[in-house]
Amino acid sequence: MPVIKGQPKGQPLPDEKRAMLLQELKNELAGRSTGGSLAVAHTPLIFEIPLEFSEQIDVLVVWEWFDGVRSEDRSALIIEAYVGQAAKISQALGVTLEEALDQELLPYNVIPNTSPTGVDPKEIEKAMVEEGGFSLADKIRLWFPTRQMAEAAMVRLNQRLPQGAWVVREGNLLA
């Protein structure tokens, strides 16, 4: 079987940008997010995916500020941000939203099943953003790397908006 090689993308990361990205990741991990309520593109969305029969995790970070940053720099930043916990990381992967969708890294969606009556659409959007939703084409999209994560988000959304009906779907629904 042949080996198909791609071309590396991005330039070496300047020290100033590296320090800024690292601080933003550390802030997010410490619960001190600096992004606004709809500024998900400017805030790293961190998924910690537990591995079966292990204490280790895979870490997937979706963040638009990774655009133009080399893959190896992205991974190194993620591992460094986990101060004192890097040994528990099996794999660290940093991607932009477009890359995550292209690579099908977020295959599970949580969407309103119906338009709930008596619920302000802004409340639905706010709840989805607070669960890690992405603003795309003037809609909030809620994507997850695992079904378990999507189902847990669905439970939280049903508790928050009991009159809403939420469902988990597989596939990157863009409609």
C-alpha atoms as a PDB file:
ATOM      1  CA  MET A   1       0.000   0.000   0.000  1.00  0.00           C
ATOM      2  CA  PRO A   2       1.478   3.399  -0.906  1.00  0.00           C
ATOM      3  CA  VAL A   3       2.171   6.132   1.621  1.00  0.00           C
ATOM      4  CA  ILE A   4       0.272   9.285   0.729  1.00  0.00           C
ATOM      5  CA  LYS A   5       1.946  12.368   2.139  1.00  0.00           C
ATOM      6  CA  GLY A   6       0.387  15.769   2.622  1.00  0.00           C
ATOM      7  CA  GLN A   7       2.154  19.080   2.702  1.00  0.00           C
ATOM      8  CA  PRO A   8       2.785  20.762   6.060  1.00  0.00           C
ATOM      9  CA  LYS A   9       0.771  23.906   6.688  1.00  0.00           C
ATOM     10  CA  GLY A  10       1.560  26.917   8.805  1.00  0.00           C
ATOM     11  CA  GLN A  11       4.650  28.744   9.906  1.00  0.00           C
ATOM     12  CA  PRO A  12       6.681  28.391  13.105  1.00  0.00           C
ATOM     13  CA  LEU A  13       4.749  30.016  15.935  1.00  0.00           C
ATOM     14  CA  PRO A  14       6.160  33.406  17.037  1.00  0.00           C
ATOM     15  CA  ASP A  15       6.876  33.601  20.783  1.00  0.00           C
ATOM     16  CA  GLU A  16       4.357  36.387  21.397  1.00  0.00           C
ATOM     17  CA  LYS A  17       1.481  34.534  19.723  1.00  0.00           C
ATOM     18  CA  ARG A  18       2.508  31.297  21.436  1.00  0.00           C
ATOM     19  CA  ALA A  19       2.362  32.955  24.851  1.00  0.00           C
ATOM     20  CA  MET A  20      -1.050  34.463  24.099  1.00  0.00           C
ATOM     21  CA  LEU A  21      -2.530  31.166  22.867  1.00  0.00           C
ATOM     22  CA  LEU A  22      -1.089  29.270  25.825  1.00  0.00           C
ATOM     23  CA  GLN A  23      -2.547  31.769  28.297  1.00  0.00           C
ATOM     24  CA  GLU A  24      -5.985  31.548  26.663  1.00  0.00           C
ATOM     25  CA  LEU A  25      -5.899  27.738  26.901  1.00  0.00           C
ATOM     26  CA  LYS A  26      -4.841  27.906  30.554  1.00  0.00           C
ATOM     27  CA  ASN A  27      -7.603  30.428  31.290  1.00  0.00           C
ATOM     28  CA  GLU A  28     -10.207  28.159  29.720  1.00  0.00           C
ATOM     29  CA  LEU A  29      -8.965  25.129  31.665  1.00  0.00           C
ATOM     30  CA  ALA A  30      -9.083  27.159  34.882  1.00  0.00           C
ATOM     31  CA  GLY A  31     -12.662  28.278  34.183  1.00  0.00           C
ATOM     32  CA  ARG A  32     -11.644  31.855  33.431  1.00  0.00           C
ATOM     33  CA  SER A  33     -12.871  32.093  29.852  1.00  0.00           C
ATOM     34  CA  THR A  34     -12.303  35.457  28.218  1.00  0.00           C
ATOM     35  CA  GLY A  35     -14.702  34.880  25.314  1.00  0.00           C
ATOM     36  CA  GLY A  36     -18.078  36.545  25.152  1.00  0.00           C
ATOM     37  CA  SER A  37     -21.314  34.577  25.134  1.00  0.00           C
ATOM     38  CA  LEU A  38     -21.346  34.287  21.338  1.00  0.00           C
ATOM     39  CA  ALA A  39     -17.584  34.537  20.820  1.00  0.00           C
ATOM     40  CA  VAL A  40     -17.058  30.776  20.655  1.00  0.00           C
ATOM     41  CA  ALA A  41     -14.702  31.219  17.711  1.00  0.00           C
ATOM     42  CA  HIS A  42     -12.379  33.218  19.966  1.00  0.00           C
ATOM     43  CA  THR A  43     -12.637  30.810  22.880  1.00  0.00           C
ATOM     44  CA  PRO A  44     -11.072  27.361  22.799  1.00  0.00           C
ATOM     45  CA  LEU A  45     -13.650  24.608  23.085  1.00  0.00           C
ATOM     46  CA  ILE A  46     -11.943  21.746  24.908  1.00  0.00           C
ATOM     47  CA  PHE A  47     -13.211  18.180  24.770  1.00  0.00           C
ATOM     48  CA  GLU A  48     -11.639  15.727  27.213  1.00  0.00           C
ATOM     49  CA  ILE A  49     -12.445  12.267  25.906  1.00  0.00           C
ATOM     50  CA  PRO A  50     -11.816   9.493  28.451  1.00  0.00           C
ATOM     51  CA  LEU A  51     -10.187   6.329  27.172  1.00  0.00           C
ATOM     52  CA  GLU A  52     -11.697   3.002  28.159  1.00  0.00           C
ATOM     53  CA  PHE A  53      -9.983   1.030  30.930  1.00  0.00           C
ATOM     54  CA  SER A  54      -7.508   3.846  31.533  1.00  0.00           C
ATOM     55  CA  GLU A  55      -7.019   7.056  33.438  1.00  0.00           C
ATOM     56  CA  GLN A  56      -5.833   8.708  30.231  1.00  0.00           C
ATOM     57  CA  ILE A  57      -7.745  11.089  27.984  1.00  0.00           C
ATOM     58  CA  ASP A  58      -7.615  12.346  24.448  1.00  0.00           C
ATOM     59  CA  VAL A  59      -7.921  16.121  24.251  1.00  0.00           C
ATOM     60  CA  LEU A  60      -9.574  17.759  21.264  1.00  0.00           C
ATOM     61  CA  VAL A  61      -9.459  21.559  21.132  1.00  0.00           C
ATOM     62  CA  VAL A  62     -11.559  23.328  18.513  1.00  0.00           C
ATOM     63  CA  TRP A  63     -10.475  26.929  18.144  1.00  0.00           C
ATOM     64  CA  GLU A  64     -10.389  29.363  15.250  1.00  0.00           C
ATOM     65  CA  TRP A  65      -7.198  30.927  16.590  1.00  0.00           C
ATOM     66  CA  PHE A  66      -5.409  27.726  15.550  1.00  0.00           C
ATOM     67  CA  ASP A  67      -5.788  28.828  11.926  1.00  0.00           C
ATOM     68  CA  GLY A  68      -2.295  29.101  10.422  1.00  0.00           C
ATOM     69  CA  VAL A  69      -0.662  27.390  13.431  1.00  0.00           C
ATOM     70  CA  ARG A  70       1.249  24.191  12.676  1.00  0.00           C
ATOM     71  CA  SER A  71      -0.232  20.960  13.988  1.00  0.00           C
ATOM     72  CA  GLU A  72       2.792  20.173  16.140  1.00  0.00           C
ATOM     73  CA  ASP A  73       2.596  23.621  17.768  1.00  0.00           C
ATOM     74  CA  ARG A  74      -1.115  23.138  18.467  1.00  0.00           C
ATOM     75  CA  SER A  75      -0.495  19.795  20.189  1.00  0.00           C
ATOM     76  CA  ALA A  76       2.457  21.151  22.169  1.00  0.00           C
ATOM     77  CA  LEU A  77       0.376  24.115  23.377  1.00  0.00           C
ATOM     78  CA  ILE A  78      -2.448  21.855  24.532  1.00  0.00           C
ATOM     79  CA  ILE A  79      -0.104  19.567  26.440  1.00  0.00           C
ATOM     80  CA  GLU A  80       1.708  22.513  28.036  1.00  0.00           C
ATOM     81  CA  ALA A  81      -1.597  24.073  29.105  1.00  0.00           C
ATOM     82  CA  TYR A  82      -2.330  20.956  31.183  1.00  0.00           C
ATOM     83  CA  VAL A  83       0.241  21.952  33.790  1.00  0.00           C
ATOM     84  CA  GLY A  84       1.079  18.949  35.946  1.00  0.00           C
ATOM     85  CA  GLN A  85      -1.465  16.759  34.133  1.00  0.00           C
ATOM     86  CA  ALA A  86       0.255  16.224  30.786  1.00  0.00           C
ATOM     87  CA  ALA A  87       0.982  12.554  31.599  1.00  0.00           C
ATOM     88  CA  LYS A  88      -2.732  11.771  31.503  1.00  0.00           C
ATOM     89  CA  ILE A  89      -3.028  12.968  27.880  1.00  0.00           C
ATOM     90  CA  SER A  90      -2.798  10.158  25.353  1.00  0.00           C
ATOM     91  CA  GLN A  91      -3.362  12.382  22.324  1.00  0.00           C
ATOM     92  CA  ALA A  92      -3.733  16.151  21.943  1.00  0.00           C
ATOM     93  CA  LEU A  93      -5.308  17.446  18.772  1.00  0.00           C
ATOM     94  CA  GLY A  94      -5.991  21.085  17.969  1.00  0.00           C
ATOM     95  CA  VAL A  95      -8.184  22.009  15.001  1.00  0.00           C
ATOM     96  CA  THR A  96     -10.250  24.846  13.620  1.00  0.00           C
ATOM     97  CA  LEU A  97     -13.984  24.272  13.268  1.00  0.00           C
ATOM     98  CA  GLU A  98     -13.633  23.802   9.511  1.00  0.00           C
ATOM     99  CA  GLU A  99     -10.918  21.186  10.047  1.00  0.00           C
ATOM    100  CA  ALA A 100     -13.022  19.414  12.693  1.00  0.00           C
ATOM    101  CA  LEU A 101     -15.957  19.208  10.288  1.00  0.00           C
ATOM    102  CA  ASP A 102     -13.784  18.157   7.323  1.00  0.00           C
ATOM    103  CA  GLN A 103     -12.212  15.385   9.409  1.00  0.00           C
ATOM    104  CA  GLU A 104     -15.568  14.404  10.942  1.00  0.00           C
ATOM    105  CA  LEU A 105     -14.211  14.867  14.465  1.00  0.00           C
ATOM    106  CA  LEU A 106     -17.583  16.182  15.723  1.00  0.00           C
ATOM    107  CA  PRO A 107     -20.077  13.636  14.395  1.00  0.00           C
ATOM    108  CA  TYR A 108     -22.832  14.091  17.009  1.00  0.00           C
ATOM    109  CA  ASN A 109     -25.302  16.985  17.041  1.00  0.00           C
ATOM    110  CA  VAL A 110     -27.711  18.091  19.715  1.00  0.00           C
ATOM    111  CA  ILE A 111     -30.607  19.950  18.166  1.00  0.00           C
ATOM    112  CA  PRO A 112     -34.067  21.084  19.213  1.00  0.00           C
ATOM    113  CA  ASN A 113     -36.439  18.365  18.030  1.00  0.00           C
ATOM    114  CA  THR A 114     -39.307  20.808  17.623  1.00  0.00           C
ATOM    115  CA  SER A 115     -39.852  24.495  18.106  1.00  0.00           C
ATOM    116  CA  PRO A 116     -40.896  24.510  21.742  1.00  0.00           C
ATOM    117  CA  THR A 117     -43.886  26.702  22.410  1.00  0.00           C
ATOM    118  CA  GLY A 118     -43.440  29.367  25.037  1.00  0.00           C
ATOM    119  CA  VAL A 119     -39.639  29.310  24.791  1.00  0.00           C
ATOM    120  CA  ASP A 120     -37.824  32.374  23.548  1.00  0.00           C
ATOM    121  CA  PRO A 121     -35.514  31.340  20.662  1.00  0.00           C
ATOM    122  CA  LYS A 122     -32.810  33.516  22.275  1.00  0.00           C
ATOM    123  CA  GLU A 123     -33.015  31.301  25.387  1.00  0.00           C
ATOM    124  CA  ILE A 124     -32.491  28.230  23.227  1.00  0.00           C
ATOM    125  CA  GLU A 125     -29.472  29.846  21.540  1.00  0.00           C
ATOM    126  CA  LYS A 126     -28.048  30.979  24.882  1.00  0.00           C
ATOM    127  CA  ALA A 127     -28.378  27.474  26.341  1.00  0.00           C
ATOM    128  CA  MET A 128     -26.703  25.966  23.277  1.00  0.00           C
ATOM    129  CA  VAL A 129     -23.812  28.455  23.425  1.00  0.00           C
ATOM    130  CA  GLU A 130     -23.292  27.710  27.107  1.00  0.00           C
ATOM    131  CA  GLU A 131     -23.061  24.014  26.223  1.00  0.00           C
ATOM    132  CA  GLY A 132     -20.287  24.829  23.724  1.00  0.00           C
ATOM    133  CA  GLY A 133     -22.274  25.716  20.623  1.00  0.00           C
ATOM    134  CA  PHE A 134     -20.694  27.201  17.538  1.00  0.00           C
ATOM    135  CA  SER A 135     -22.138  30.210  15.755  1.00  0.00           C
ATOM    136  CA  LEU A 136     -22.275  29.321  12.082  1.00  0.00           C
ATOM    137  CA  ALA A 137     -24.390  30.890   9.338  1.00  0.00           C
ATOM    138  CA  ASP A 138     -26.425  32.827  11.916  1.00  0.00           C
ATOM    139  CA  LYS A 139     -27.372  29.611  13.726  1.00  0.00           C
ATOM    140  CA  ILE A 140     -25.954  27.956  16.784  1.00  0.00           C
ATOM    141  CA  ARG A 141     -24.670  24.440  16.157  1.00  0.00           C
ATOM    142  CA  LEU A 142     -23.939  22.042  18.982  1.00  0.00           C
ATOM    143  CA  TRP A 143     -21.489  19.307  17.953  1.00  0.00           C
ATOM    144  CA  PHE A 144     -19.639  16.688  20.014  1.00  0.00           C
ATOM    145  CA  PRO A 145     -16.948  14.081  19.374  1.00  0.00           C
ATOM    146  CA  THR A 146     -18.758  11.278  21.240  1.00  0.00           C
ATOM    147  CA  ARG A 147     -22.366  10.168  21.602  1.00  0.00           C
ATOM    148  CA  GLN A 148     -21.913  10.064  25.385  1.00  0.00           C
ATOM    149  CA  MET A 149     -20.946  13.757  25.463  1.00  0.00           C
ATOM    150  CA  ALA A 150     -23.859  14.675  23.194  1.00  0.00           C
ATOM    151  CA  GLU A 151     -26.338  12.734  25.325  1.00  0.00           C
ATOM    152  CA  ALA A 152     -25.034  14.359  28.532  1.00  0.00           C
ATOM    153  CA  ALA A 153     -25.503  17.800  26.934  1.00  0.00           C
ATOM    154  CA  MET A 154     -29.016  16.807  25.869  1.00  0.00           C
ATOM    155  CA  VAL A 155     -29.879  15.871  29.469  1.00  0.00           C
ATOM    156  CA  ARG A 156     -28.564  19.224  30.752  1.00  0.00           C
ATOM    157  CA  LEU A 157     -30.521  21.097  28.073  1.00  0.00           C
ATOM    158  CA  ASN A 158     -33.717  19.205  28.939  1.00  0.00           C
ATOM    159  CA  GLN A 159     -33.230  20.122  32.602  1.00  0.00           C
ATOM    160  CA  ARG A 160     -32.618  23.756  31.742  1.00  0.00           C
ATOM    161  CA  LEU A 161     -35.451  24.073  29.225  1.00  0.00           C
ATOM    162  CA  PRO A 162     -37.902  21.315  30.187  1.00  0.00           C
ATOM    163  CA  GLN A 163     -40.470  22.502  27.670  1.00  0.00           C
ATOM    164  CA  GLY A 164     -37.891  22.028  24.896  1.00  0.00           C
ATOM    165  CA  ALA A 165     -37.435  18.726  23.173  1.00  0.00           C
ATOM    166  CA  TRP A 166     -33.835  17.871  22.295  1.00  0.00           C
ATOM    167  CA  VAL A 167     -32.457  15.045  20.212  1.00  0.00           C
ATOM    168  CA  VAL A 168     -29.019  13.672  19.359  1.00  0.00           C
ATOM    169  CA  ARG A 169     -28.331  13.135  15.671  1.00  0.00           C
ATOM    170  CA  GLU A 170     -25.317  11.664  14.002  1.00  0.00           C
ATOM    171  CA  GLY A 171     -23.647  13.547  11.140  1.00  0.00           C
ATOM    172  CA  ASN A 172     -22.590  17.154  10.675  1.00  0.00           C
ATOM    173  CA  LEU A 173     -25.994  18.612   9.943  1.00  0.00           C
ATOM    174  CA  LEU A 174     -25.569  22.026   8.367  1.00  0.00           C
ATOM    175  CA  ALA A 175     -29.188  22.585   7.361  1.00  0.00           C
END
